[in-house]
Amino acid sequence: MKLLSTLGLACAALTFSLSAFAAPPVQAKGDVLTGTNGHTLYTFDKDQAGSGKSACNGPCAANWPPLMADSAATAEGDYSIITRDDGARQWAHKGKPLYFWVKDAKPGDTTGDGFNGVWKTARP
């Protein structure tokens, strides 16, 4: 019984350590980046690439939900993690924070592209 318990703990630790190095929850669908849910991701022109900050907080973030990164996530390649004003972590691509758009009803929608001249679909 003790061996099974120890084995279970070892497997749990291995699972946790592997998840910490999991790839960002982003995929390329054609020439657009999407979340793993298939919904289009966007960038905001008011975010300065590489600044490590998001200019979309409060009511803005209610309409443009950030692509959040959990505490175990680690950056890799073109993907980095920024810390938002509220202390939460958000994925960024090539230094630009990534967001969803609440009015995209289904995977593949791109209704936020060009919104107010400052929102663009994220591209690989």
N, C-alpha and C. Protein backbone atom coordinates (compact mmCIF):
# COMPACT_ATOMS: atom_id res chain seq x y z
N MET A 1 0.82 -1.19 0.00
CA MET A 1 0.00 0.00 0.00
C MET A 1 0.87 1.26 0.00
N LYS A 2 1.94 1.22 0.83
CA LYS A 2 2.83 2.38 0.90
C LYS A 2 3.50 2.62 -0.45
N LEU A 3 3.88 1.53 -1.15
CA LEU A 3 4.51 1.66 -2.46
C LEU A 3 3.55 2.34 -3.44
N LEU A 4 2.29 1.94 -3.43
CA LEU A 4 1.30 2.57 -4.32
C LEU A 4 1.14 4.04 -3.98
N SER A 5 1.13 4.37 -2.72
CA SER A 5 1.00 5.76 -2.29
C SER A 5 2.20 6.57 -2.77
N THR A 6 3.39 6.03 -2.60
CA THR A 6 4.62 6.71 -3.04
C THR A 6 4.63 6.85 -4.55
N LEU A 7 4.24 5.80 -5.24
CA LEU A 7 4.17 5.83 -6.70
C LEU A 7 3.17 6.89 -7.17
N GLY A 8 2.02 6.98 -6.51
CA GLY A 8 1.02 7.98 -6.86
C GLY A 8 1.56 9.38 -6.69
N LEU A 9 2.28 9.63 -5.60
CA LEU A 9 2.87 10.95 -5.36
C LEU A 9 3.92 11.28 -6.41
N ALA A 10 4.73 10.30 -6.78
CA ALA A 10 5.75 10.51 -7.80
C ALA A 10 5.11 10.85 -9.14
N CYS A 11 4.04 10.13 -9.50
CA CYS A 11 3.33 10.42 -10.76
C CYS A 11 2.71 11.80 -10.72
N ALA A 12 2.13 12.18 -9.60
CA ALA A 12 1.53 13.51 -9.48
C ALA A 12 2.59 14.58 -9.62
N ALA A 13 3.75 14.39 -9.01
CA ALA A 13 4.83 15.37 -9.11
C ALA A 13 5.33 15.48 -10.54
N LEU A 14 5.46 14.35 -11.23
CA LEU A 14 5.90 14.36 -12.61
C LEU A 14 4.88 15.07 -13.49
N THR A 15 3.60 14.80 -13.29
CA THR A 15 2.55 15.46 -14.06
C THR A 15 2.61 16.96 -13.84
N PHE A 16 2.77 17.40 -12.59
CA PHE A 16 2.83 18.83 -12.30
C PHE A 16 4.05 19.45 -12.97
N SER A 17 5.21 18.79 -12.87
CA SER A 17 6.42 19.39 -13.42
C SER A 17 6.34 19.46 -14.95
N LEU A 18 5.72 18.46 -15.59
CA LEU A 18 5.57 18.52 -17.04
C LEU A 18 4.59 19.60 -17.46
N SER A 19 3.52 19.81 -16.68
CA SER A 19 2.55 20.84 -17.04
C SER A 19 3.15 22.23 -16.93
N ALA A 20 4.15 22.38 -16.08
CA ALA A 20 4.79 23.69 -15.92
C ALA A 20 5.51 24.09 -17.20
N PHE A 21 5.86 23.10 -18.03
CA PHE A 21 6.59 23.41 -19.25
C PHE A 21 5.73 23.22 -20.49
N ALA A 22 4.43 23.17 -20.29
CA ALA A 22 3.51 22.98 -21.41
C ALA A 22 3.59 24.18 -22.36
N ALA A 23 3.31 23.92 -23.62
CA ALA A 23 3.31 24.97 -24.63
C ALA A 23 2.21 25.98 -24.32
N PRO A 24 2.37 27.22 -24.77
CA PRO A 24 1.32 28.22 -24.59
C PRO A 24 0.01 27.72 -25.21
N PRO A 25 -1.14 28.12 -24.64
CA PRO A 25 -2.44 27.63 -25.14
C PRO A 25 -2.88 28.37 -26.40
N VAL A 26 -2.03 28.33 -27.41
CA VAL A 26 -2.25 29.07 -28.66
C VAL A 26 -1.97 28.14 -29.82
N GLN A 27 -2.74 28.30 -30.89
CA GLN A 27 -2.48 27.54 -32.11
C GLN A 27 -2.69 28.46 -33.31
N ALA A 28 -2.03 28.15 -34.41
CA ALA A 28 -2.22 28.91 -35.65
C ALA A 28 -3.29 28.22 -36.48
N LYS A 29 -4.31 28.97 -36.85
CA LYS A 29 -5.35 28.49 -37.77
C LYS A 29 -5.21 29.35 -39.02
N GLY A 30 -4.51 28.82 -40.02
CA GLY A 30 -4.22 29.63 -41.20
C GLY A 30 -3.27 30.74 -40.80
N ASP A 31 -3.69 31.98 -41.07
CA ASP A 31 -2.82 33.11 -40.73
C ASP A 31 -3.29 33.86 -39.48
N VAL A 32 -4.06 33.18 -38.62
CA VAL A 32 -4.60 33.79 -37.40
C VAL A 32 -4.24 32.91 -36.20
N LEU A 33 -3.90 33.54 -35.08
CA LEU A 33 -3.69 32.80 -33.85
C LEU A 33 -5.01 32.64 -33.12
N THR A 34 -5.21 31.46 -32.55
CA THR A 34 -6.42 31.21 -31.75
C THR A 34 -6.01 30.59 -30.42
N GLY A 35 -6.93 30.66 -29.48
CA GLY A 35 -6.76 29.92 -28.24
C GLY A 35 -7.04 28.46 -28.54
N THR A 36 -6.76 27.59 -27.61
CA THR A 36 -7.02 26.17 -27.83
C THR A 36 -8.51 25.89 -27.98
N ASN A 37 -9.36 26.87 -27.59
CA ASN A 37 -10.80 26.74 -27.77
C ASN A 37 -11.23 27.08 -29.20
N GLY A 38 -10.27 27.49 -30.05
CA GLY A 38 -10.57 27.84 -31.44
C GLY A 38 -10.97 29.28 -31.64
N HIS A 39 -11.14 30.04 -30.57
CA HIS A 39 -11.53 31.44 -30.69
C HIS A 39 -10.33 32.32 -31.04
N THR A 40 -10.56 33.27 -31.92
CA THR A 40 -9.53 34.16 -32.42
C THR A 40 -8.91 34.98 -31.30
N LEU A 41 -7.59 35.18 -31.41
CA LEU A 41 -6.87 36.05 -30.48
C LEU A 41 -6.55 37.37 -31.18
N TYR A 42 -6.46 38.43 -30.38
CA TYR A 42 -6.25 39.78 -30.90
C TYR A 42 -5.12 40.47 -30.16
N THR A 43 -4.56 41.51 -30.81
CA THR A 43 -3.61 42.41 -30.17
C THR A 43 -4.21 43.80 -30.17
N PHE A 44 -3.72 44.63 -29.27
CA PHE A 44 -4.22 45.99 -29.06
C PHE A 44 -3.10 46.97 -29.38
N ASP A 45 -3.32 47.88 -30.33
CA ASP A 45 -2.28 48.81 -30.75
C ASP A 45 -1.76 49.69 -29.62
N LYS A 46 -2.57 49.89 -28.57
CA LYS A 46 -2.12 50.74 -27.45
C LYS A 46 -1.16 50.01 -26.51
N ASP A 47 -1.03 48.70 -26.67
CA ASP A 47 -0.02 47.94 -25.93
C ASP A 47 1.31 48.13 -26.64
N GLN A 48 2.33 48.52 -25.89
CA GLN A 48 3.65 48.68 -26.49
C GLN A 48 4.39 47.36 -26.41
N ALA A 49 4.76 46.82 -27.57
CA ALA A 49 5.45 45.53 -27.62
C ALA A 49 6.70 45.58 -26.74
N GLY A 50 6.85 44.54 -25.95
CA GLY A 50 8.03 44.44 -25.11
C GLY A 50 7.99 45.22 -23.82
N SER A 51 6.91 45.99 -23.59
CA SER A 51 6.83 46.79 -22.37
C SER A 51 6.49 45.94 -21.15
N GLY A 52 5.91 44.75 -21.41
CA GLY A 52 5.52 43.89 -20.31
C GLY A 52 4.26 44.37 -19.61
N LYS A 53 3.51 45.26 -20.25
CA LYS A 53 2.29 45.82 -19.65
C LYS A 53 1.13 45.72 -20.63
N SER A 54 -0.07 45.66 -20.07
CA SER A 54 -1.29 45.70 -20.86
C SER A 54 -1.95 47.04 -20.65
N ALA A 55 -2.40 47.66 -21.73
CA ALA A 55 -3.14 48.93 -21.64
C ALA A 55 -4.64 48.68 -21.57
N CYS A 56 -5.05 47.42 -21.55
CA CYS A 56 -6.47 47.06 -21.53
C CYS A 56 -6.81 46.44 -20.18
N ASN A 57 -7.36 47.26 -19.30
CA ASN A 57 -7.73 46.84 -17.95
C ASN A 57 -9.15 47.29 -17.67
N GLY A 58 -9.73 46.86 -16.57
CA GLY A 58 -11.07 47.28 -16.17
C GLY A 58 -12.12 46.96 -17.21
N PRO A 59 -12.94 47.98 -17.59
CA PRO A 59 -14.01 47.74 -18.58
C PRO A 59 -13.47 47.24 -19.93
N CYS A 60 -12.30 47.67 -20.30
CA CYS A 60 -11.69 47.20 -21.55
C CYS A 60 -11.51 45.69 -21.48
N ALA A 61 -10.98 45.18 -20.39
CA ALA A 61 -10.72 43.74 -20.25
C ALA A 61 -12.01 42.93 -20.15
N ALA A 62 -13.11 43.58 -19.78
CA ALA A 62 -14.40 42.88 -19.76
C ALA A 62 -14.84 42.56 -21.19
N ASN A 63 -14.54 43.45 -22.14
CA ASN A 63 -14.88 43.24 -23.56
C ASN A 63 -13.80 42.47 -24.30
N TRP A 64 -12.58 42.61 -23.85
CA TRP A 64 -11.42 41.98 -24.48
C TRP A 64 -10.70 41.13 -23.43
N PRO A 65 -11.27 39.97 -23.07
CA PRO A 65 -10.67 39.16 -22.02
C PRO A 65 -9.25 38.73 -22.39
N PRO A 66 -8.32 38.93 -21.47
CA PRO A 66 -6.93 38.52 -21.72
C PRO A 66 -6.80 37.00 -21.80
N LEU A 67 -5.84 36.53 -22.57
CA LEU A 67 -5.49 35.11 -22.58
C LEU A 67 -4.60 34.90 -21.35
N MET A 68 -5.19 34.35 -20.30
CA MET A 68 -4.51 34.23 -19.03
C MET A 68 -3.51 33.08 -19.02
N ALA A 69 -2.46 33.26 -18.23
CA ALA A 69 -1.44 32.23 -18.02
C ALA A 69 -1.51 31.81 -16.56
N ASP A 70 -1.54 30.51 -16.31
CA ASP A 70 -1.59 30.08 -14.91
C ASP A 70 -0.21 30.20 -14.27
N SER A 71 -0.15 29.98 -12.98
CA SER A 71 1.09 30.19 -12.23
C SER A 71 2.19 29.22 -12.63
N ALA A 72 1.85 28.09 -13.23
CA ALA A 72 2.85 27.10 -13.64
C ALA A 72 3.37 27.33 -15.05
N ALA A 73 2.74 28.22 -15.81
CA ALA A 73 3.12 28.44 -17.21
C ALA A 73 4.49 29.10 -17.31
N THR A 74 5.23 28.73 -18.33
CA THR A 74 6.53 29.34 -18.59
C THR A 74 6.62 29.77 -20.05
N ALA A 75 7.31 30.85 -20.28
CA ALA A 75 7.45 31.41 -21.62
C ALA A 75 8.34 30.51 -22.48
N GLU A 76 8.08 30.54 -23.79
CA GLU A 76 8.93 29.81 -24.73
C GLU A 76 8.79 30.42 -26.12
N GLY A 77 9.90 30.45 -26.85
CA GLY A 77 9.89 30.96 -28.21
C GLY A 77 9.36 32.38 -28.30
N ASP A 78 8.39 32.58 -29.21
CA ASP A 78 7.80 33.91 -29.40
C ASP A 78 6.78 34.27 -28.32
N TYR A 79 6.54 33.36 -27.38
CA TYR A 79 5.53 33.58 -26.35
C TYR A 79 6.17 33.95 -25.02
N SER A 80 5.66 35.02 -24.43
CA SER A 80 6.13 35.47 -23.13
C SER A 80 4.92 35.66 -22.23
N ILE A 81 5.18 35.94 -20.99
CA ILE A 81 4.12 36.17 -20.01
C ILE A 81 4.34 37.53 -19.37
N ILE A 82 3.29 38.34 -19.36
CA ILE A 82 3.35 39.65 -18.71
C ILE A 82 2.52 39.59 -17.43
N THR A 83 2.76 40.54 -16.55
CA THR A 83 1.96 40.66 -15.34
C THR A 83 1.04 41.85 -15.50
N ARG A 84 -0.25 41.60 -15.36
CA ARG A 84 -1.27 42.64 -15.52
C ARG A 84 -1.31 43.53 -14.27
N ASP A 85 -2.01 44.66 -14.38
CA ASP A 85 -2.11 45.60 -13.26
C ASP A 85 -2.66 44.96 -12.00
N ASP A 86 -3.55 43.95 -12.17
CA ASP A 86 -4.13 43.29 -11.00
C ASP A 86 -3.28 42.13 -10.49
N GLY A 87 -2.10 41.93 -11.08
CA GLY A 87 -1.19 40.88 -10.65
C GLY A 87 -1.37 39.56 -11.38
N ALA A 88 -2.44 39.43 -12.18
CA ALA A 88 -2.67 38.21 -12.96
C ALA A 88 -1.64 38.14 -14.09
N ARG A 89 -1.43 36.92 -14.60
CA ARG A 89 -0.46 36.70 -15.67
C ARG A 89 -1.19 36.51 -17.00
N GLN A 90 -0.63 37.08 -18.06
CA GLN A 90 -1.25 37.05 -19.38
C GLN A 90 -0.20 36.67 -20.42
N TRP A 91 -0.64 35.84 -21.39
CA TRP A 91 0.24 35.47 -22.50
C TRP A 91 0.41 36.63 -23.46
N ALA A 92 1.61 36.72 -24.04
CA ALA A 92 1.92 37.71 -25.08
C ALA A 92 2.63 36.97 -26.22
N HIS A 93 2.46 37.49 -27.43
CA HIS A 93 3.11 36.93 -28.61
C HIS A 93 3.97 38.01 -29.23
N LYS A 94 5.25 37.73 -29.35
CA LYS A 94 6.22 38.71 -29.86
C LYS A 94 6.09 40.03 -29.10
N GLY A 95 5.90 39.92 -27.80
CA GLY A 95 5.83 41.09 -26.93
C GLY A 95 4.48 41.76 -26.82
N LYS A 96 3.50 41.34 -27.62
CA LYS A 96 2.16 41.95 -27.61
C LYS A 96 1.19 41.07 -26.83
N PRO A 97 0.56 41.60 -25.76
CA PRO A 97 -0.42 40.81 -25.01
C PRO A 97 -1.54 40.31 -25.93
N LEU A 98 -2.08 39.14 -25.60
CA LEU A 98 -3.13 38.50 -26.39
C LEU A 98 -4.47 38.55 -25.68
N TYR A 99 -5.54 38.78 -26.47
CA TYR A 99 -6.90 38.93 -25.94
C TYR A 99 -7.90 38.19 -26.82
N PHE A 100 -9.03 37.84 -26.22
CA PHE A 100 -10.20 37.38 -26.95
C PHE A 100 -11.15 38.57 -27.10
N TRP A 101 -12.20 38.44 -27.91
CA TRP A 101 -13.22 39.47 -28.09
C TRP A 101 -14.56 38.86 -27.72
N VAL A 102 -15.29 39.47 -26.80
CA VAL A 102 -16.53 38.87 -26.30
C VAL A 102 -17.60 38.70 -27.38
N LYS A 103 -17.52 39.45 -28.44
CA LYS A 103 -18.55 39.36 -29.48
C LYS A 103 -18.26 38.30 -30.55
N ASP A 104 -17.13 37.62 -30.43
CA ASP A 104 -16.89 36.46 -31.29
C ASP A 104 -17.69 35.31 -30.69
N ALA A 105 -18.78 34.94 -31.36
CA ALA A 105 -19.72 33.96 -30.82
C ALA A 105 -19.23 32.52 -30.94
N LYS A 106 -18.43 32.24 -31.96
CA LYS A 106 -18.00 30.85 -32.17
C LYS A 106 -16.56 30.82 -32.69
N PRO A 107 -15.93 29.66 -32.57
CA PRO A 107 -14.58 29.53 -33.11
C PRO A 107 -14.53 29.95 -34.58
N GLY A 108 -13.47 30.67 -34.92
CA GLY A 108 -13.31 31.13 -36.30
C GLY A 108 -13.84 32.53 -36.56
N ASP A 109 -14.71 33.05 -35.68
CA ASP A 109 -15.19 34.43 -35.85
C ASP A 109 -14.02 35.40 -35.69
N THR A 110 -14.03 36.48 -36.47
CA THR A 110 -12.99 37.51 -36.37
C THR A 110 -13.64 38.90 -36.35
N THR A 111 -14.76 39.02 -35.63
CA THR A 111 -15.52 40.28 -35.65
C THR A 111 -14.79 41.43 -34.97
N GLY A 112 -13.75 41.13 -34.20
CA GLY A 112 -13.00 42.20 -33.53
C GLY A 112 -11.89 42.79 -34.38
N ASP A 113 -11.59 42.17 -35.53
CA ASP A 113 -10.49 42.66 -36.36
C ASP A 113 -10.80 44.06 -36.89
N GLY A 114 -9.93 45.00 -36.56
CA GLY A 114 -10.10 46.38 -37.01
C GLY A 114 -11.00 47.22 -36.11
N PHE A 115 -11.52 46.64 -35.03
CA PHE A 115 -12.43 47.38 -34.14
C PHE A 115 -11.76 48.66 -33.64
N ASN A 116 -12.46 49.77 -33.81
CA ASN A 116 -11.98 51.11 -33.43
C ASN A 116 -10.60 51.43 -33.99
N GLY A 117 -10.19 50.71 -35.01
CA GLY A 117 -8.90 50.97 -35.64
C GLY A 117 -7.69 50.59 -34.80
N VAL A 118 -7.91 49.93 -33.64
CA VAL A 118 -6.78 49.62 -32.75
C VAL A 118 -6.68 48.14 -32.37
N TRP A 119 -7.67 47.33 -32.77
CA TRP A 119 -7.64 45.90 -32.46
C TRP A 119 -7.39 45.13 -33.75
N LYS A 120 -6.45 44.17 -33.69
CA LYS A 120 -6.09 43.40 -34.87
C LYS A 120 -6.03 41.92 -34.51
N THR A 121 -6.37 41.07 -35.48
CA THR A 121 -6.18 39.64 -35.24
C THR A 121 -4.70 39.39 -35.03
N ALA A 122 -4.40 38.52 -34.08
CA ALA A 122 -3.01 38.14 -33.82
C ALA A 122 -2.56 37.19 -34.93
N ARG A 123 -1.37 37.41 -35.44
CA ARG A 123 -0.86 36.62 -36.56
C ARG A 123 0.42 35.90 -36.14
N PRO A 124 0.60 34.67 -36.66
CA PRO A 124 1.82 33.92 -36.30
C PRO A 124 3.09 34.62 -36.77
